[in-house]
PDB file of N, CA and C in Angstrom:
ATOM      1  N   MET A   1      10.667  26.460 -20.716  1.00  0.00           N
ATOM      2  CA  MET A   1       9.285  26.103 -20.701  1.00  0.00           C
ATOM      3  C   MET A   1       9.047  24.691 -21.224  1.00  0.00           C
ATOM      4  N   ASN A   2      10.049  23.919 -21.227  1.00  0.00           N
ATOM      5  CA  ASN A   2       9.911  22.538 -21.663  1.00  0.00           C
ATOM      6  C   ASN A   2       9.694  21.602 -20.476  1.00  0.00           C
ATOM      7  N   GLU A   3       9.017  22.086 -19.458  1.00  0.00           N
ATOM      8  CA  GLU A   3       8.785  21.248 -18.299  1.00  0.00           C
ATOM      9  C   GLU A   3       7.728  20.196 -18.603  1.00  0.00           C
ATOM     10  N   ARG A   4       7.991  19.035 -18.087  1.00  0.00           N
ATOM     11  CA  ARG A   4       7.081  17.914 -18.282  1.00  0.00           C
ATOM     12  C   ARG A   4       5.888  18.053 -17.352  1.00  0.00           C
ATOM     13  N   GLN A   5       4.686  17.785 -17.838  1.00  0.00           N
ATOM     14  CA  GLN A   5       3.475  17.912 -17.039  1.00  0.00           C
ATOM     15  C   GLN A   5       2.991  16.585 -16.472  1.00  0.00           C
ATOM     16  N   SER A   6       3.437  15.482 -17.011  1.00  0.00           N
ATOM     17  CA  SER A   6       2.932  14.192 -16.547  1.00  0.00           C
ATOM     18  C   SER A   6       4.084  13.298 -16.097  1.00  0.00           C
ATOM     19  N   PHE A   7       3.722  12.229 -15.445  1.00  0.00           N
ATOM     20  CA  PHE A   7       4.715  11.273 -14.977  1.00  0.00           C
ATOM     21  C   PHE A   7       5.073  10.316 -16.098  1.00  0.00           C
ATOM     22  N   THR A   8       6.279   9.784 -16.009  1.00  0.00           N
ATOM     23  CA  THR A   8       6.664   8.751 -16.972  1.00  0.00           C
ATOM     24  C   THR A   8       5.985   7.445 -16.573  1.00  0.00           C
ATOM     25  N   GLN A   9       6.014   6.503 -17.453  1.00  0.00           N
ATOM     26  CA  GLN A   9       5.405   5.199 -17.191  1.00  0.00           C
ATOM     27  C   GLN A   9       6.058   4.550 -15.964  1.00  0.00           C
ATOM     28  N   ALA A  10       7.365   4.652 -15.843  1.00  0.00           N
ATOM     29  CA  ALA A  10       8.076   4.066 -14.706  1.00  0.00           C
ATOM     30  C   ALA A  10       7.673   4.747 -13.403  1.00  0.00           C
ATOM     31  N   GLU A  11       7.528   6.080 -13.434  1.00  0.00           N
ATOM     32  CA  GLU A  11       7.105   6.807 -12.236  1.00  0.00           C
ATOM     33  C   GLU A  11       5.686   6.428 -11.827  1.00  0.00           C
ATOM     34  N   ARG A  12       4.801   6.308 -12.815  1.00  0.00           N
ATOM     35  CA  ARG A  12       3.422   5.901 -12.518  1.00  0.00           C
ATOM     36  C   ARG A  12       3.392   4.505 -11.918  1.00  0.00           C
ATOM     37  N   ARG A  13       4.181   3.610 -12.477  1.00  0.00           N
ATOM     38  CA  ARG A  13       4.221   2.220 -11.984  1.00  0.00           C
ATOM     39  C   ARG A  13       4.759   2.182 -10.549  1.00  0.00           C
ATOM     40  N   LYS A  14       5.807   2.949 -10.282  1.00  0.00           N
ATOM     41  CA  LYS A  14       6.395   2.982  -8.941  1.00  0.00           C
ATOM     42  C   LYS A  14       5.383   3.515  -7.931  1.00  0.00           C
ATOM     43  N   ARG A  15       4.683   4.589  -8.275  1.00  0.00           N
ATOM     44  CA  ARG A  15       3.674   5.159  -7.373  1.00  0.00           C
ATOM     45  C   ARG A  15       2.528   4.178  -7.144  1.00  0.00           C
ATOM     46  N   PHE A  16       2.118   3.485  -8.204  1.00  0.00           N
ATOM     47  CA  PHE A  16       1.063   2.486  -8.069  1.00  0.00           C
ATOM     48  C   PHE A  16       1.487   1.381  -7.115  1.00  0.00           C
ATOM     49  N   GLU A  17       2.698   0.865  -7.284  1.00  0.00           N
ATOM     50  CA  GLU A  17       3.184  -0.228  -6.432  1.00  0.00           C
ATOM     51  C   GLU A  17       3.278   0.207  -4.979  1.00  0.00           C
ATOM     52  N   GLU A  18       3.747   1.420  -4.728  1.00  0.00           N
ATOM     53  CA  GLU A  18       3.834   1.920  -3.360  1.00  0.00           C
ATOM     54  C   GLU A  18       2.445   2.027  -2.728  1.00  0.00           C
ATOM     55  N   THR A  19       1.516   2.588  -3.471  1.00  0.00           N
ATOM     56  CA  THR A  19       0.144   2.728  -2.976  1.00  0.00           C
ATOM     57  C   THR A  19      -0.482   1.355  -2.746  1.00  0.00           C
ATOM     58  N   HIS A  20      -0.257   0.460  -3.683  1.00  0.00           N
ATOM     59  CA  HIS A  20      -0.801  -0.890  -3.580  1.00  0.00           C
ATOM     60  C   HIS A  20      -0.242  -1.606  -2.348  1.00  0.00           C
ATOM     61  N   ASP A  21       1.048  -1.482  -2.105  1.00  0.00           N
ATOM     62  CA  ASP A  21       1.677  -2.136  -0.954  1.00  0.00           C
ATOM     63  C   ASP A  21       1.098  -1.604   0.366  1.00  0.00           C
ATOM     64  N   VAL A  22       0.913  -0.300   0.448  1.00  0.00           N
ATOM     65  CA  VAL A  22       0.353   0.296   1.663  1.00  0.00           C
ATOM     66  C   VAL A  22      -1.091  -0.159   1.857  1.00  0.00           C
ATOM     67  N   ALA A  23      -1.868  -0.152   0.784  1.00  0.00           N
ATOM     68  CA  ALA A  23      -3.268  -0.577   0.879  1.00  0.00           C
ATOM     69  C   ALA A  23      -3.367  -2.047   1.275  1.00  0.00           C
ATOM     70  N   THR A  24      -2.520  -2.879   0.706  1.00  0.00           N
ATOM     71  CA  THR A  24      -2.523  -4.307   1.041  1.00  0.00           C
ATOM     72  C   THR A  24      -2.164  -4.513   2.505  1.00  0.00           C
ATOM     73  N   ALA A  25      -1.186  -3.788   3.000  1.00  0.00           N
ATOM     74  CA  ALA A  25      -0.802  -3.899   4.406  1.00  0.00           C
ATOM     75  C   ALA A  25      -1.951  -3.486   5.320  1.00  0.00           C
ATOM     76  N   MET A  26      -2.658  -2.430   4.945  1.00  0.00           N
ATOM     77  CA  MET A  26      -3.797  -1.975   5.744  1.00  0.00           C
ATOM     78  C   MET A  26      -4.913  -3.016   5.748  1.00  0.00           C
ATOM     79  N   ILE A  27      -5.174  -3.611   4.601  1.00  0.00           N
ATOM     80  CA  ILE A  27      -6.217  -4.641   4.507  1.00  0.00           C
ATOM     81  C   ILE A  27      -5.864  -5.837   5.376  1.00  0.00           C
ATOM     82  N   HIS A  28      -4.606  -6.268   5.332  1.00  0.00           N
ATOM     83  CA  HIS A  28      -4.174  -7.404   6.144  1.00  0.00           C
ATOM     84  C   HIS A  28      -4.278  -7.095   7.635  1.00  0.00           C
ATOM     85  N   ALA A  29      -3.929  -5.878   8.024  1.00  0.00           N
ATOM     86  CA  ALA A  29      -4.016  -5.485   9.430  1.00  0.00           C
ATOM     87  C   ALA A  29      -5.468  -5.459   9.890  1.00  0.00           C
ATOM     88  N   GLN A  30      -6.342  -4.923   9.055  1.00  0.00           N
ATOM     89  CA  GLN A  30      -7.766  -4.883   9.405  1.00  0.00           C
ATOM     90  C   GLN A  30      -8.343  -6.290   9.498  1.00  0.00           C
ATOM     91  N   ARG A  31      -7.962  -7.161   8.584  1.00  0.00           N
ATOM     92  CA  ARG A  31      -8.447  -8.535   8.590  1.00  0.00           C
ATOM     93  C   ARG A  31      -7.962  -9.270   9.848  1.00  0.00           C
ATOM     94  N   ALA A  32      -6.702  -9.061  10.220  1.00  0.00           N
ATOM     95  CA  ALA A  32      -6.170  -9.711  11.420  1.00  0.00           C
ATOM     96  C   ALA A  32      -6.905  -9.215  12.667  1.00  0.00           C
ATOM     97  N   ALA A  33      -7.179  -7.923  12.725  1.00  0.00           N
ATOM     98  CA  ALA A  33      -7.914  -7.373  13.874  1.00  0.00           C
ATOM     99  C   ALA A  33      -9.328  -7.930  13.926  1.00  0.00           C
ATOM    100  N   ARG A  34      -9.979  -8.027  12.777  1.00  0.00           N
ATOM    101  CA  ARG A  34     -11.347  -8.566  12.721  1.00  0.00           C
ATOM    102  C   ARG A  34     -11.372 -10.035  13.129  1.00  0.00           C
ATOM    103  N   ASP A  35     -10.388 -10.810  12.661  1.00  0.00           N
ATOM    104  CA  ASP A  35     -10.321 -12.228  13.021  1.00  0.00           C
ATOM    105  C   ASP A  35     -10.077 -12.411  14.520  1.00  0.00           C
ATOM    106  N   ALA A  36      -9.211 -11.573  15.096  1.00  0.00           N
ATOM    107  CA  ALA A  36      -8.943 -11.661  16.533  1.00  0.00           C
ATOM    108  C   ALA A  36     -10.196 -11.324  17.328  1.00  0.00           C
ATOM    109  N   LYS A  37     -10.935 -10.330  16.888  1.00  0.00           N
ATOM    110  CA  LYS A  37     -12.174  -9.959  17.569  1.00  0.00           C
ATOM    111  C   LYS A  37     -13.193 -11.091  17.461  1.00  0.00           C
ATOM    112  N   THR A  38     -13.289 -11.705  16.294  1.00  0.00           N
ATOM    113  CA  THR A  38     -14.224 -12.809  16.101  1.00  0.00           C
ATOM    114  C   THR A  38     -13.899 -13.965  17.041  1.00  0.00           C
ATOM    115  N   VAL A  39     -12.638 -14.301  17.158  1.00  0.00           N
ATOM    116  CA  VAL A  39     -12.228 -15.391  18.049  1.00  0.00           C
ATOM    117  C   VAL A  39     -12.563 -15.044  19.499  1.00  0.00           C
ATOM    118  N   ARG A  40     -12.275 -13.818  19.891  1.00  0.00           N
ATOM    119  CA  ARG A  40     -12.548 -13.397  21.264  1.00  0.00           C
ATOM    120  C   ARG A  40     -14.041 -13.463  21.564  1.00  0.00           C
ATOM    121  N   LEU A  41     -14.855 -12.938  20.663  1.00  0.00           N
ATOM    122  CA  LEU A  41     -16.304 -12.950  20.890  1.00  0.00           C
ATOM    123  C   LEU A  41     -16.866 -14.370  20.863  1.00  0.00           C
ATOM    124  N   ARG A  42     -16.325 -15.225  20.006  1.00  0.00           N
ATOM    125  CA  ARG A  42     -16.782 -16.610  19.949  1.00  0.00           C
ATOM    126  C   ARG A  42     -16.484 -17.316  21.270  1.00  0.00           C
ATOM    127  N   GLU A  43     -15.296 -17.103  21.809  1.00  0.00           N
ATOM    128  CA  GLU A  43     -14.934 -17.725  23.084  1.00  0.00           C
ATOM    129  C   GLU A  43     -15.843 -17.242  24.205  1.00  0.00           C
ATOM    130  N   LEU A  44     -16.140 -15.944  24.226  1.00  0.00           N
ATOM    131  CA  LEU A  44     -17.042 -15.408  25.243  1.00  0.00           C
ATOM    132  C   LEU A  44     -18.445 -16.000  25.107  1.00  0.00           C
ATOM    133  N   ARG A  45     -18.926 -16.089  23.861  1.00  0.00           N
ATOM    134  CA  ARG A  45     -20.259 -16.644  23.628  1.00  0.00           C
ATOM    135  C   ARG A  45     -20.329 -18.112  24.042  1.00  0.00           C
ATOM    136  N   GLU A  46     -19.317 -18.892  23.702  1.00  0.00           N
ATOM    137  CA  GLU A  46     -19.309 -20.309  24.057  1.00  0.00           C
ATOM    138  C   GLU A  46     -19.237 -20.497  25.568  1.00  0.00           C
ATOM    139  N   ALA A  47     -18.462 -19.671  26.246  1.00  0.00           N
ATOM    140  CA  ALA A  47     -18.385 -19.767  27.703  1.00  0.00           C
ATOM    141  C   ALA A  47     -19.739 -19.425  28.325  1.00  0.00           C
ATOM    142  N   LYS A  48     -20.391 -18.409  27.780  1.00  0.00           N
ATOM    143  CA  LYS A  48     -21.709 -18.018  28.278  1.00  0.00           C
ATOM    144  C   LYS A  48     -22.731 -19.132  28.034  1.00  0.00           C
ATOM    145  N   GLU A  49     -22.670 -19.759  26.874  1.00  0.00           N
ATOM    146  CA  GLU A  49     -23.584 -20.856  26.563  1.00  0.00           C
ATOM    147  C   GLU A  49     -23.345 -22.049  27.493  1.00  0.00           C
ATOM    148  N   GLN A  50     -22.089 -22.359  27.767  1.00  0.00           N
ATOM    149  CA  GLN A  50     -21.766 -23.467  28.671  1.00  0.00           C
ATOM    150  C   GLN A  50     -22.278 -23.184  30.079  1.00  0.00           C
ATOM    151  N   GLU A  51     -22.120 -21.957  30.526  1.00  0.00           N
ATOM    152  CA  GLU A  51     -22.596 -21.577  31.853  1.00  0.00           C
ATOM    153  C   GLU A  51     -24.120 -21.669  31.919  1.00  0.00           C
ATOM    154  N   ALA A  52     -24.798 -21.210  30.872  1.00  0.00           N
ATOM    155  CA  ALA A  52     -26.259 -21.276  30.826  1.00  0.00           C
ATOM    156  C   ALA A  52     -26.721 -22.732  30.832  1.00  0.00           C
ATOM    157  N   LEU A  53     -26.028 -23.594  30.121  1.00  0.00           N
ATOM    158  CA  LEU A  53     -26.375 -25.014  30.098  1.00  0.00           C
ATOM    159  C   LEU A  53     -26.190 -25.641  31.474  1.00  0.00           C
ATOM    160  N   ARG A  54     -25.090 -25.310  32.132  1.00  0.00           N
ATOM    161  CA  ARG A  54     -24.854 -25.846  33.485  1.00  0.00           C
ATOM    162  C   ARG A  54     -25.951 -25.397  34.445  1.00  0.00           C
ATOM    163  N   LEU A  55     -26.352 -24.136  34.339  1.00  0.00           N
ATOM    164  CA  LEU A  55     -27.404 -23.625  35.218  1.00  0.00           C
ATOM    165  C   LEU A  55     -28.739 -24.302  34.936  1.00  0.00           C
ATOM    166  N   ARG A  56     -29.038 -24.536  33.659  1.00  0.00           N
ATOM    167  CA  ARG A  56     -30.289 -25.205  33.296  1.00  0.00           C
ATOM    168  C   ARG A  56     -30.326 -26.636  33.818  1.00  0.00           C
ATOM    169  N   LEU A  57     -29.206 -27.296  33.746  1.00  0.00           N
ATOM    170  CA  LEU A  57     -29.145 -28.690  34.186  1.00  0.00           C
ATOM    171  C   LEU A  57     -28.908 -28.808  35.687  1.00  0.00           C
ATOM    172  N   GLY A  58     -28.587 -27.720  36.324  1.00  0.00           N
ATOM    173  CA  GLY A  58     -28.342 -27.733  37.759  1.00  0.00           C
ATOM    174  C   GLY A  58     -27.022 -28.386  38.130  1.00  0.00           C
ATOM    175  N   VAL A  59     -26.091 -28.378  37.223  1.00  0.00           N
ATOM    176  CA  VAL A  59     -24.781 -28.987  37.457  1.00  0.00           C
ATOM    177  C   VAL A  59     -23.820 -27.895  37.905  1.00  0.00           C
ATOM    178  N   GLU A  60     -23.139 -28.158  38.996  1.00  0.00           N
ATOM    179  CA  GLU A  60     -22.136 -27.207  39.463  1.00  0.00           C
ATOM    180  C   GLU A  60     -20.808 -27.512  38.794  1.00  0.00           C
ATOM    181  N   PRO A  61     -20.016 -26.508  38.583  1.00  0.00           N
ATOM    182  CA  PRO A  61     -18.704 -26.743  37.974  1.00  0.00           C
ATOM    183  C   PRO A  61     -17.859 -27.658  38.853  1.00  0.00           C
ATOM    184  N   LYS A  62     -17.137 -28.561  38.207  1.00  0.00           N
ATOM    185  CA  LYS A  62     -16.285 -29.489  38.957  1.00  0.00           C
ATOM    186  C   LYS A  62     -15.009 -28.786  39.382  1.00  0.00           C
ATOM    187  N   HIS A  63     -14.594 -29.115  40.578  1.00  0.00           N
ATOM    188  CA  HIS A  63     -13.320 -28.612  41.087  1.00  0.00           C
ATOM    189  C   HIS A  63     -12.372 -29.774  41.225  1.00  0.00           C
ATOM    190  N   ARG A  64     -11.137 -29.562  41.018  1.00  0.00           N
ATOM    191  CA  ARG A  64     -10.169 -30.661  41.091  1.00  0.00           C
ATOM    192  C   ARG A  64     -10.068 -31.233  42.487  1.00  0.00           C
ATOM    193  N   ASN A  65     -10.258 -30.421  43.500  1.00  0.00           N
ATOM    194  CA  ASN A  65     -10.160 -30.900  44.870  1.00  0.00           C
ATOM    195  C   ASN A  65     -11.280 -31.874  45.200  1.00  0.00           C
ATOM    196  N   ASP A  66     -12.453 -31.725  44.573  1.00  0.00           N
ATOM    197  CA  ASP A  66     -13.565 -32.631  44.816  1.00  0.00           C
ATOM    198  C   ASP A  66     -13.273 -34.031  44.325  1.00  0.00           C
ATOM    199  N   GLN A  67     -12.471 -34.168  43.314  1.00  0.00           N
ATOM    200  CA  GLN A  67     -12.169 -35.478  42.734  1.00  0.00           C
ATOM    201  C   GLN A  67     -11.225 -36.258  43.637  1.00  0.00           C
ATOM    202  N   CYS A  68     -10.431 -35.591  44.420  1.00  0.00           N
ATOM    203  CA  CYS A  68      -9.443 -36.261  45.263  1.00  0.00           C
ATOM    204  C   CYS A  68     -10.063 -36.823  46.538  1.00  0.00           C
ATOM    205  N   GLU A  69     -11.211 -36.356  46.933  1.00  0.00           N
ATOM    206  CA  GLU A  69     -11.799 -36.780  48.209  1.00  0.00           C
ATOM    207  C   GLU A  69     -12.357 -38.158  48.164  1.00  0.00           C
TER     208      GLU A  69
END
């Protein structure tokens, strides 16, 4: 009946470090996904704004073949 009921300091530290490492990895993965989404949405928004500006100004997109003529 001399069983230990709690963890030793070393065991607690090891469990903390493992949990911390997993949590940190998850945070980094979520941040990378959020940053990628932000970049994608920004590019879509800028393309949409450029298209709207071209339509407002009545400018057609330039084609490379038009420059050669």
